[in-house]
């Protein structure tokens, strides 16, 4: 389950439901459903009488439905809190040689972040691999100093660090997302 998409859809549907309920209550108070609903009491209605008359079986059914909603909400919360889109260990192809080579994603991402972070003009750098291990995507986030040459740093990251990552994975088509932001504070390190 992709948590972000599910969250947006669920919250949008809930918002539409609440907006519709509010608009319906407002319309009833203005008499748009007839003069009888304009001045009627909230609890003096057919639905309230039905709940009162059918309480023996209706309340346990509503409690069971509420329990199902709670279970679904807990599952949704667990998916949001504990799901990850990070990639698992990556198999490295070995042409014509026996054996199997596995690359731990942290080794590659630490190397990429370290290399990008060492460039002059870069304040901080982070990297992570996300997606399927067969088709991972490398996400590199770098915070650049205000005085840095953005175009030159971008070019250097693409031609050096990202090329090294693609070579390490033996995947020249490795999808990369490069996020560059500029900070106004000056770096305290000496390059």
Protein backbone atom coordinates (compact mmCIF):
# COMPACT_ATOMS: atom_id res chain seq x y z
CA UNK A 1 0.00 0.00 0.00
CA UNK A 2 1.44 3.35 -0.98
CA UNK A 3 0.78 5.41 2.14
CA UNK A 4 0.87 8.88 0.56
CA UNK A 5 -1.66 8.08 -2.15
CA UNK A 6 -3.93 6.22 0.28
CA UNK A 7 -3.77 9.11 2.74
CA UNK A 8 -4.72 11.65 0.09
CA UNK A 9 -7.64 9.58 -1.19
CA UNK A 10 -8.96 8.71 2.29
CA UNK A 11 -8.71 12.24 3.61
CA UNK A 12 -10.25 13.69 0.43
CA UNK A 13 -13.24 11.33 0.70
CA UNK A 14 -13.67 12.15 4.39
CA UNK A 15 -13.52 15.88 3.61
CA UNK A 16 -16.13 15.52 0.85
CA UNK A 17 -18.40 13.54 3.19
CA UNK A 18 -18.12 16.16 5.95
CA UNK A 19 -18.67 19.02 3.50
CA UNK A 20 -21.78 17.29 2.14
CA UNK A 21 -23.12 16.74 5.67
CA UNK A 22 -22.50 20.40 6.56
CA UNK A 23 -24.13 21.65 3.38
CA UNK A 24 -27.12 19.35 3.98
CA UNK A 25 -27.56 20.60 7.54
CA UNK A 26 -27.26 24.20 6.35
CA UNK A 27 -29.80 23.60 3.60
CA UNK A 28 -32.23 22.02 6.11
CA UNK A 29 -31.88 24.97 8.47
CA UNK A 30 -32.71 27.36 5.64
CA UNK A 31 -35.83 25.37 4.76
CA UNK A 32 -34.59 24.10 1.40
CA UNK A 33 -36.01 20.63 2.22
CA UNK A 34 -39.40 22.10 3.16
CA UNK A 35 -40.79 24.16 6.00
CA UNK A 36 -41.03 21.14 8.32
CA UNK A 37 -37.27 20.74 8.62
CA UNK A 38 -36.52 24.43 9.05
CA UNK A 39 -37.60 24.64 12.71
CA UNK A 40 -37.52 20.98 13.74
CA UNK A 41 -35.35 19.81 16.60
CA UNK A 42 -32.23 17.84 15.87
CA UNK A 43 -33.18 14.83 18.00
CA UNK A 44 -36.92 14.90 17.26
CA UNK A 45 -36.63 13.11 13.96
CA UNK A 46 -37.52 9.76 12.41
CA UNK A 47 -33.95 8.52 12.58
CA UNK A 48 -33.80 9.21 16.33
CA UNK A 49 -37.09 7.36 16.91
CA UNK A 50 -35.81 4.42 14.82
CA UNK A 51 -32.62 4.20 16.91
CA UNK A 52 -34.70 4.28 20.09
CA UNK A 53 -37.07 1.54 18.92
CA UNK A 54 -34.38 -0.76 17.48
CA UNK A 55 -31.75 -0.25 20.20
CA UNK A 56 -31.60 -3.92 21.24
CA UNK A 57 -29.89 -5.06 18.05
CA UNK A 58 -28.83 -1.78 16.45
CA UNK A 59 -26.29 -0.66 19.07
CA UNK A 60 -24.32 -3.95 19.04
CA UNK A 61 -24.21 -3.80 15.22
CA UNK A 62 -22.98 -0.19 15.38
CA UNK A 63 -20.38 -1.20 17.99
CA UNK A 64 -19.12 -3.97 15.69
CA UNK A 65 -18.96 -1.52 12.77
CA UNK A 66 -17.06 0.94 14.96
CA UNK A 67 -14.63 -1.84 15.92
CA UNK A 68 -14.03 -2.58 12.24
CA UNK A 69 -13.38 1.11 11.61
CA UNK A 70 -10.91 1.18 14.52
CA UNK A 71 -9.08 -1.89 13.18
CA UNK A 72 -8.87 -0.36 9.70
CA UNK A 73 -7.65 2.94 11.18
CA UNK A 74 -4.95 1.13 13.16
CA UNK A 75 -3.86 -0.76 10.03
CA UNK A 76 -3.71 2.53 8.14
CA UNK A 77 -1.72 4.16 10.95
CA UNK A 78 0.72 1.23 11.05
CA UNK A 79 1.17 1.45 7.27
CA UNK A 80 1.93 5.15 7.54
CA UNK A 81 4.31 4.84 10.47
CA UNK A 82 6.15 1.66 9.59
CA UNK A 83 6.03 1.42 5.81
CA UNK A 84 9.09 2.27 3.85
CA UNK A 85 9.82 2.67 0.22
CA UNK A 86 13.49 1.98 0.73
CA UNK A 87 15.05 -0.62 -1.50
CA UNK A 88 16.18 -3.99 -0.20
CA UNK A 89 19.62 -5.51 -0.85
CA UNK A 90 20.64 -5.17 -4.48
CA UNK A 91 21.90 -8.13 -6.51
CA UNK A 92 24.87 -7.15 -8.71
CA UNK A 93 25.04 -9.09 -12.01
CA UNK A 94 28.27 -10.99 -12.59
CA UNK A 95 28.62 -11.79 -16.28
CA UNK A 96 29.81 -15.35 -16.80
CA UNK A 97 31.15 -15.81 -13.27
CA UNK A 98 29.74 -18.14 -10.66
CA UNK A 99 28.51 -16.82 -7.34
CA UNK A 100 26.37 -13.96 -6.28
CA UNK A 101 27.20 -10.42 -5.22
CA UNK A 102 24.83 -8.44 -3.02
CA UNK A 103 25.16 -4.72 -2.33
CA UNK A 104 23.65 -3.31 0.83
CA UNK A 105 21.90 -0.06 -0.14
CA UNK A 106 23.45 1.81 2.79
CA UNK A 107 26.93 1.21 1.42
CA UNK A 108 26.10 2.87 -1.89
CA UNK A 109 24.06 5.71 -0.41
CA UNK A 110 26.73 6.51 2.20
CA UNK A 111 29.37 6.60 -0.53
CA UNK A 112 27.26 8.86 -2.77
CA UNK A 113 26.34 11.19 0.11
CA UNK A 114 29.96 11.31 1.23
CA UNK A 115 31.23 12.09 -2.25
CA UNK A 116 28.64 14.79 -2.91
CA UNK A 117 29.15 16.20 0.58
CA UNK A 118 32.87 16.57 -0.08
CA UNK A 119 32.36 18.88 -3.06
CA UNK A 120 33.20 22.54 -2.50
CA UNK A 121 29.96 24.51 -2.10
CA UNK A 122 27.90 21.62 -0.69
CA UNK A 123 26.73 22.15 2.89
CA UNK A 124 25.09 18.74 3.46
CA UNK A 125 24.19 15.75 1.30
CA UNK A 126 21.97 12.72 1.74
CA UNK A 127 21.16 9.79 -0.51
CA UNK A 128 18.78 6.84 -0.42
CA UNK A 129 17.71 4.01 -2.69
CA UNK A 130 13.99 3.47 -3.05
CA UNK A 131 11.78 1.10 -4.98
CA UNK A 132 12.16 -2.43 -6.21
CA UNK A 133 15.68 -3.90 -5.93
CA UNK A 134 15.48 -4.91 -9.59
CA UNK A 135 14.74 -1.32 -10.64
CA UNK A 136 15.84 0.97 -7.82
CA UNK A 137 15.82 4.76 -7.91
CA UNK A 138 18.55 6.80 -6.27
CA UNK A 139 17.36 9.94 -4.50
CA UNK A 140 20.13 12.45 -3.77
CA UNK A 141 19.40 15.56 -1.73
CA UNK A 142 22.08 18.24 -1.45
CA UNK A 143 21.95 21.54 0.39
CA UNK A 144 24.25 24.02 -1.33
CA UNK A 145 25.88 27.12 0.05
CA UNK A 146 24.50 30.42 -1.15
CA UNK A 147 27.76 31.28 -2.92
CA UNK A 148 28.00 27.94 -4.74
CA UNK A 149 27.87 27.70 -8.52
CA UNK A 150 24.63 25.73 -8.87
CA UNK A 151 25.09 24.71 -12.52
CA UNK A 152 28.69 23.57 -11.99
CA UNK A 153 27.78 21.56 -8.88
CA UNK A 154 24.85 19.93 -10.62
CA UNK A 155 27.04 18.99 -13.55
CA UNK A 156 29.75 17.63 -11.21
CA UNK A 157 27.24 15.56 -9.23
CA UNK A 158 25.82 14.09 -12.43
CA UNK A 159 29.16 13.37 -14.11
CA UNK A 160 31.05 12.13 -11.05
CA UNK A 161 28.96 10.89 -8.11
CA UNK A 162 26.01 9.60 -10.10
CA UNK A 163 28.26 8.00 -12.70
CA UNK A 164 30.15 6.24 -9.89
CA UNK A 165 26.84 4.97 -8.45
CA UNK A 166 25.69 3.68 -11.83
CA UNK A 167 29.05 1.98 -12.35
CA UNK A 168 28.93 0.37 -8.89
CA UNK A 169 25.50 -1.07 -9.65
CA UNK A 170 26.46 -1.94 -13.24
CA UNK A 171 23.27 -0.12 -14.20
CA UNK A 172 23.81 2.76 -16.64
CA UNK A 173 20.05 3.40 -16.69
CA UNK A 174 19.71 3.85 -12.91
CA UNK A 175 16.90 6.32 -12.31
CA UNK A 176 18.04 9.29 -10.25
CA UNK A 177 16.16 12.07 -8.51
CA UNK A 178 18.45 14.98 -7.68
CA UNK A 179 17.10 17.57 -5.26
CA UNK A 180 19.24 20.68 -4.81
CA UNK A 181 18.41 23.44 -2.37
CA UNK A 182 20.35 26.52 -1.39
CA UNK A 183 20.93 27.59 2.19
CA UNK A 184 21.73 31.11 3.35
CA UNK A 185 24.05 29.97 6.14
CA UNK A 186 27.69 29.53 5.40
CA UNK A 187 29.44 26.22 5.94
CA UNK A 188 31.66 25.98 8.99
CA UNK A 189 34.00 23.38 7.50
CA UNK A 190 37.18 24.11 5.65
CA UNK A 191 37.41 22.55 2.19
